[in-house]
Amino acid sequence: MQKESARALSTMQATNNNIWQFNKKAHHNSQKWYLAVIEWYIDQYGDLPSKVGPGKDVELIYDT
């Protein structure tokens, strides 16, 4: 979940409002936070960040 959410986050503008939408859904729970990010991405692009949209072109530093 961390890798998928990292891909998704790298495609969005890092503004307070954008980040707040995930904090609101998963207050103090990192797994729910990652899931909220991935759900947002799927709503935007139709599948996981590693498969479609701008997230599939993101190269992570640690990608194994």
PDB file of N, CA and C in Angstrom:
ATOM      1  N   MET A   1       0.824  -1.192   0.000  1.00  0.00           N
ATOM      2  CA  MET A   1       0.000   0.000   0.000  1.00  0.00           C
ATOM      3  C   MET A   1       0.865   1.252   0.000  1.00  0.00           C
ATOM      4  N   GLN A   2       2.002   1.190   0.677  1.00  0.00           N
ATOM      5  CA  GLN A   2       2.857   2.366   0.743  1.00  0.00           C
ATOM      6  C   GLN A   2       3.379   2.760  -0.634  1.00  0.00           C
ATOM      7  N   LYS A   3       3.801   1.791  -1.418  1.00  0.00           N
ATOM      8  CA  LYS A   3       4.327   2.090  -2.750  1.00  0.00           C
ATOM      9  C   LYS A   3       3.244   2.662  -3.658  1.00  0.00           C
ATOM     10  N   GLU A   4       2.072   2.073  -3.627  1.00  0.00           N
ATOM     11  CA  GLU A   4       0.979   2.573  -4.464  1.00  0.00           C
ATOM     12  C   GLU A   4       0.588   3.993  -4.051  1.00  0.00           C
ATOM     13  N   SER A   5       0.510   4.237  -2.752  1.00  0.00           N
ATOM     14  CA  SER A   5       0.137   5.586  -2.313  1.00  0.00           C
ATOM     15  C   SER A   5       1.251   6.581  -2.630  1.00  0.00           C
ATOM     16  N   ALA A   6       2.507   6.151  -2.576  1.00  0.00           N
ATOM     17  CA  ALA A   6       3.611   7.045  -2.934  1.00  0.00           C
ATOM     18  C   ALA A   6       3.518   7.437  -4.406  1.00  0.00           C
ATOM     19  N   ARG A   7       3.210   6.493  -5.250  1.00  0.00           N
ATOM     20  CA  ARG A   7       3.028   6.799  -6.671  1.00  0.00           C
ATOM     21  C   ARG A   7       1.883   7.794  -6.869  1.00  0.00           C
ATOM     22  N   ALA A   8       0.778   7.551  -6.188  1.00  0.00           N
ATOM     23  CA  ALA A   8      -0.388   8.424  -6.320  1.00  0.00           C
ATOM     24  C   ALA A   8      -0.085   9.830  -5.813  1.00  0.00           C
ATOM     25  N   LEU A   9       0.551   9.927  -4.665  1.00  0.00           N
ATOM     26  CA  LEU A   9       0.853  11.237  -4.090  1.00  0.00           C
ATOM     27  C   LEU A   9       1.806  12.047  -4.955  1.00  0.00           C
ATOM     28  N   SER A  10       2.699  11.365  -5.640  1.00  0.00           N
ATOM     29  CA  SER A  10       3.660  12.098  -6.465  1.00  0.00           C
ATOM     30  C   SER A  10       3.003  12.724  -7.687  1.00  0.00           C
ATOM     31  N   THR A  11       1.762  12.346  -7.988  1.00  0.00           N
ATOM     32  CA  THR A  11       1.071  12.891  -9.155  1.00  0.00           C
ATOM     33  C   THR A  11       0.175  14.082  -8.815  1.00  0.00           C
ATOM     34  N   MET A  12       0.013  14.373  -7.537  1.00  0.00           N
ATOM     35  CA  MET A  12      -0.893  15.455  -7.155  1.00  0.00           C
ATOM     36  C   MET A  12      -0.123  16.638  -6.580  1.00  0.00           C
ATOM     37  N   GLN A  13      -0.740  17.803  -6.610  1.00  0.00           N
ATOM     38  CA  GLN A  13      -0.131  18.976  -5.985  1.00  0.00           C
ATOM     39  C   GLN A  13      -0.144  18.802  -4.477  1.00  0.00           C
ATOM     40  N   ALA A  14       0.964  19.110  -3.854  1.00  0.00           N
ATOM     41  CA  ALA A  14       1.073  18.969  -2.397  1.00  0.00           C
ATOM     42  C   ALA A  14       0.566  20.236  -1.721  1.00  0.00           C
ATOM     43  N   THR A  15      -0.749  20.330  -1.594  1.00  0.00           N
ATOM     44  CA  THR A  15      -1.354  21.477  -0.914  1.00  0.00           C
ATOM     45  C   THR A  15      -2.016  20.985   0.371  1.00  0.00           C
ATOM     46  N   ASN A  16      -2.258  21.897   1.268  1.00  0.00           N
ATOM     47  CA  ASN A  16      -2.924  21.535   2.524  1.00  0.00           C
ATOM     48  C   ASN A  16      -4.281  20.892   2.276  1.00  0.00           C
ATOM     49  N   ASN A  17      -5.042  21.442   1.345  1.00  0.00           N
ATOM     50  CA  ASN A  17      -6.377  20.901   1.064  1.00  0.00           C
ATOM     51  C   ASN A  17      -6.305  19.486   0.501  1.00  0.00           C
ATOM     52  N   ASN A  18      -5.341  19.242  -0.372  1.00  0.00           N
ATOM     53  CA  ASN A  18      -5.210  17.901  -0.939  1.00  0.00           C
ATOM     54  C   ASN A  18      -4.838  16.880   0.131  1.00  0.00           C
ATOM     55  N   ILE A  19      -3.907  17.209   0.987  1.00  0.00           N
ATOM     56  CA  ILE A  19      -3.486  16.288   2.039  1.00  0.00           C
ATOM     57  C   ILE A  19      -4.571  16.151   3.105  1.00  0.00           C
ATOM     58  N   TRP A  20      -5.251  17.226   3.410  1.00  0.00           N
ATOM     59  CA  TRP A  20      -6.293  17.212   4.447  1.00  0.00           C
ATOM     60  C   TRP A  20      -7.390  16.203   4.142  1.00  0.00           C
ATOM     61  N   GLN A  21      -7.732  16.034   2.860  1.00  0.00           N
ATOM     62  CA  GLN A  21      -8.806  15.096   2.518  1.00  0.00           C
ATOM     63  C   GLN A  21      -8.474  13.675   2.989  1.00  0.00           C
ATOM     64  N   PHE A  22      -7.207  13.317   3.023  1.00  0.00           N
ATOM     65  CA  PHE A  22      -6.811  11.986   3.488  1.00  0.00           C
ATOM     66  C   PHE A  22      -6.727  11.947   5.012  1.00  0.00           C
ATOM     67  N   ASN A  23      -6.241  13.012   5.617  1.00  0.00           N
ATOM     68  CA  ASN A  23      -6.179  13.075   7.086  1.00  0.00           C
ATOM     69  C   ASN A  23      -7.572  12.972   7.690  1.00  0.00           C
ATOM     70  N   LYS A  24      -8.540  13.578   7.039  1.00  0.00           N
ATOM     71  CA  LYS A  24      -9.917  13.566   7.521  1.00  0.00           C
ATOM     72  C   LYS A  24     -10.494  12.143   7.526  1.00  0.00           C
ATOM     73  N   LYS A  25     -10.108  11.329   6.564  1.00  0.00           N
ATOM     74  CA  LYS A  25     -10.625   9.967   6.453  1.00  0.00           C
ATOM     75  C   LYS A  25      -9.884   8.979   7.346  1.00  0.00           C
ATOM     76  N   ALA A  26      -8.655   9.294   7.714  1.00  0.00           N
ATOM     77  CA  ALA A  26      -7.834   8.300   8.416  1.00  0.00           C
ATOM     78  C   ALA A  26      -6.996   8.950   9.507  1.00  0.00           C
ATOM     79  N   HIS A  27      -7.637   9.585  10.428  1.00  0.00           N
ATOM     80  CA  HIS A  27      -6.943  10.292  11.498  1.00  0.00           C
ATOM     81  C   HIS A  27      -6.105   9.325  12.336  1.00  0.00           C
ATOM     82  N   HIS A  28      -4.782   9.496  12.330  1.00  0.00           N
ATOM     83  CA  HIS A  28      -3.838   8.697  13.123  1.00  0.00           C
ATOM     84  C   HIS A  28      -3.859   7.204  12.794  1.00  0.00           C
ATOM     85  N   ASN A  29      -4.140   6.864  11.536  1.00  0.00           N
ATOM     86  CA  ASN A  29      -4.112   5.465  11.128  1.00  0.00           C
ATOM     87  C   ASN A  29      -3.478   5.400   9.743  1.00  0.00           C
ATOM     88  N   SER A  30      -2.216   5.014   9.683  1.00  0.00           N
ATOM     89  CA  SER A  30      -1.476   5.073   8.428  1.00  0.00           C
ATOM     90  C   SER A  30      -2.034   4.130   7.364  1.00  0.00           C
ATOM     91  N   GLN A  31      -2.491   2.954   7.746  1.00  0.00           N
ATOM     92  CA  GLN A  31      -3.028   2.044   6.739  1.00  0.00           C
ATOM     93  C   GLN A  31      -4.287   2.608   6.086  1.00  0.00           C
ATOM     94  N   LYS A  32      -5.157   3.198   6.885  1.00  0.00           N
ATOM     95  CA  LYS A  32      -6.358   3.826   6.318  1.00  0.00           C
ATOM     96  C   LYS A  32      -5.983   5.039   5.469  1.00  0.00           C
ATOM     97  N   TRP A  33      -4.923   5.745   5.851  1.00  0.00           N
ATOM     98  CA  TRP A  33      -4.467   6.916   5.101  1.00  0.00           C
ATOM     99  C   TRP A  33      -3.975   6.486   3.720  1.00  0.00           C
ATOM    100  N   TYR A  34      -3.137   5.448   3.680  1.00  0.00           N
ATOM    101  CA  TYR A  34      -2.660   4.930   2.392  1.00  0.00           C
ATOM    102  C   TYR A  34      -3.827   4.487   1.531  1.00  0.00           C
ATOM    103  N   LEU A  35      -4.784   3.801   2.136  1.00  0.00           N
ATOM    104  CA  LEU A  35      -5.953   3.332   1.403  1.00  0.00           C
ATOM    105  C   LEU A  35      -6.773   4.501   0.852  1.00  0.00           C
ATOM    106  N   ALA A  36      -6.924   5.552   1.628  1.00  0.00           N
ATOM    107  CA  ALA A  36      -7.670   6.738   1.164  1.00  0.00           C
ATOM    108  C   ALA A  36      -6.981   7.367  -0.044  1.00  0.00           C
ATOM    109  N   VAL A  37      -5.659   7.423  -0.032  1.00  0.00           N
ATOM    110  CA  VAL A  37      -4.906   7.968  -1.170  1.00  0.00           C
ATOM    111  C   VAL A  37      -5.138   7.102  -2.403  1.00  0.00           C
ATOM    112  N   ILE A  38      -5.041   5.795  -2.241  1.00  0.00           N
ATOM    113  CA  ILE A  38      -5.221   4.883  -3.367  1.00  0.00           C
ATOM    114  C   ILE A  38      -6.650   4.965  -3.899  1.00  0.00           C
ATOM    115  N   GLU A  39      -7.624   5.046  -3.020  1.00  0.00           N
ATOM    116  CA  GLU A  39      -9.015   5.184  -3.463  1.00  0.00           C
ATOM    117  C   GLU A  39      -9.216   6.469  -4.248  1.00  0.00           C
ATOM    118  N   TRP A  40      -8.606   7.571  -3.800  1.00  0.00           N
ATOM    119  CA  TRP A  40      -8.685   8.834  -4.539  1.00  0.00           C
ATOM    120  C   TRP A  40      -8.117   8.656  -5.941  1.00  0.00           C
ATOM    121  N   TYR A  41      -6.970   8.006  -6.033  1.00  0.00           N
ATOM    122  CA  TYR A  41      -6.322   7.810  -7.331  1.00  0.00           C
ATOM    123  C   TYR A  41      -7.195   6.953  -8.247  1.00  0.00           C
ATOM    124  N   ILE A  42      -7.749   5.892  -7.712  1.00  0.00           N
ATOM    125  CA  ILE A  42      -8.606   5.030  -8.522  1.00  0.00           C
ATOM    126  C   ILE A  42      -9.833   5.789  -9.013  1.00  0.00           C
ATOM    127  N   ASP A  43     -10.390   6.658  -8.173  1.00  0.00           N
ATOM    128  CA  ASP A  43     -11.516   7.495  -8.600  1.00  0.00           C
ATOM    129  C   ASP A  43     -11.113   8.409  -9.750  1.00  0.00           C
ATOM    130  N   GLN A  44      -9.869   8.902  -9.721  1.00  0.00           N
ATOM    131  CA  GLN A  44      -9.386   9.816 -10.755  1.00  0.00           C
ATOM    132  C   GLN A  44      -9.026   9.098 -12.057  1.00  0.00           C
ATOM    133  N   TYR A  45      -8.365   7.951 -11.949  1.00  0.00           N
ATOM    134  CA  TYR A  45      -7.759   7.316 -13.117  1.00  0.00           C
ATOM    135  C   TYR A  45      -8.258   5.911 -13.434  1.00  0.00           C
ATOM    136  N   GLY A  46      -9.025   5.283 -12.547  1.00  0.00           N
ATOM    137  CA  GLY A  46      -9.655   4.022 -12.869  1.00  0.00           C
ATOM    138  C   GLY A  46      -8.956   2.750 -12.430  1.00  0.00           C
ATOM    139  N   ASP A  47      -7.723   2.853 -11.938  1.00  0.00           N
ATOM    140  CA  ASP A  47      -7.017   1.652 -11.481  1.00  0.00           C
ATOM    141  C   ASP A  47      -5.854   2.083 -10.595  1.00  0.00           C
ATOM    142  N   LEU A  48      -5.068   1.120 -10.177  1.00  0.00           N
ATOM    143  CA  LEU A  48      -3.938   1.391  -9.285  1.00  0.00           C
ATOM    144  C   LEU A  48      -2.888   2.281  -9.956  1.00  0.00           C
ATOM    145  N   PRO A  49      -2.185   3.076  -9.172  1.00  0.00           N
ATOM    146  CA  PRO A  49      -1.160   3.964  -9.725  1.00  0.00           C
ATOM    147  C   PRO A  49      -0.059   3.238 -10.500  1.00  0.00           C
ATOM    148  N   SER A  50       0.241   2.024 -10.138  1.00  0.00           N
ATOM    149  CA  SER A  50       1.287   1.283 -10.850  1.00  0.00           C
ATOM    150  C   SER A  50       0.813   0.778 -12.213  1.00  0.00           C
ATOM    151  N   LYS A  51      -0.505   0.887 -12.484  1.00  0.00           N
ATOM    152  CA  LYS A  51      -1.054   0.329 -13.723  1.00  0.00           C
ATOM    153  C   LYS A  51      -1.512   1.367 -14.731  1.00  0.00           C
ATOM    154  N   VAL A  52      -2.085   2.494 -14.274  1.00  0.00           N
ATOM    155  CA  VAL A  52      -2.647   3.478 -15.206  1.00  0.00           C
ATOM    156  C   VAL A  52      -2.306   4.900 -14.770  1.00  0.00           C
ATOM    157  N   GLY A  53      -2.531   5.823 -15.687  1.00  0.00           N
ATOM    158  CA  GLY A  53      -2.368   7.238 -15.382  1.00  0.00           C
ATOM    159  C   GLY A  53      -0.924   7.632 -15.145  1.00  0.00           C
ATOM    160  N   PRO A  54      -0.737   8.819 -14.610  1.00  0.00           N
ATOM    161  CA  PRO A  54       0.625   9.323 -14.413  1.00  0.00           C
ATOM    162  C   PRO A  54       1.420   8.535 -13.367  1.00  0.00           C
ATOM    163  N   GLY A  55       0.750   7.823 -12.496  1.00  0.00           N
ATOM    164  CA  GLY A  55       1.447   7.048 -11.474  1.00  0.00           C
ATOM    165  C   GLY A  55       2.278   5.905 -12.030  1.00  0.00           C
ATOM    166  N   LYS A  56       1.864   5.374 -13.185  1.00  0.00           N
ATOM    167  CA  LYS A  56       2.608   4.241 -13.742  1.00  0.00           C
ATOM    168  C   LYS A  56       3.988   4.647 -14.251  1.00  0.00           C
ATOM    169  N   ASP A  57       4.196   5.927 -14.470  1.00  0.00           N
ATOM    170  CA  ASP A  57       5.491   6.415 -14.947  1.00  0.00           C
ATOM    171  C   ASP A  57       6.410   6.871 -13.819  1.00  0.00           C
ATOM    172  N   VAL A  58       5.927   6.822 -12.589  1.00  0.00           N
ATOM    173  CA  VAL A  58       6.736   7.240 -11.436  1.00  0.00           C
ATOM    174  C   VAL A  58       7.761   6.160 -11.117  1.00  0.00           C
ATOM    175  N   GLU A  59       9.005   6.573 -10.988  1.00  0.00           N
ATOM    176  CA  GLU A  59      10.058   5.649 -10.593  1.00  0.00           C
ATOM    177  C   GLU A  59      10.379   5.904  -9.124  1.00  0.00           C
ATOM    178  N   LEU A  60      10.175   4.902  -8.297  1.00  0.00           N
ATOM    179  CA  LEU A  60      10.463   5.027  -6.878  1.00  0.00           C
ATOM    180  C   LEU A  60      11.934   4.712  -6.622  1.00  0.00           C
ATOM    181  N   ILE A  61      12.504   5.335  -5.627  1.00  0.00           N
ATOM    182  CA  ILE A  61      13.894   5.074  -5.280  1.00  0.00           C
ATOM    183  C   ILE A  61      14.066   3.630  -4.853  1.00  0.00           C
ATOM    184  N   TYR A  62      13.150   3.155  -4.025  1.00  0.00           N
ATOM    185  CA  TYR A  62      13.194   1.768  -3.560  1.00  0.00           C
ATOM    186  C   TYR A  62      11.990   1.070  -4.137  1.00  0.00           C
ATOM    187  N   ASP A  63      12.170   0.357  -5.234  1.00  0.00           N
ATOM    188  CA  ASP A  63      11.043  -0.222  -5.960  1.00  0.00           C
ATOM    189  C   ASP A  63      11.117  -1.740  -6.039  1.00  0.00           C
ATOM    190  N   THR A  64      11.585  -2.390  -4.958  1.00  0.00           N
ATOM    191  CA  THR A  64      11.601  -3.857  -4.966  1.00  0.00           C
ATOM    192  C   THR A  64      10.882  -4.398  -3.754  1.00  0.00           C
TER     193      THR A  64
END
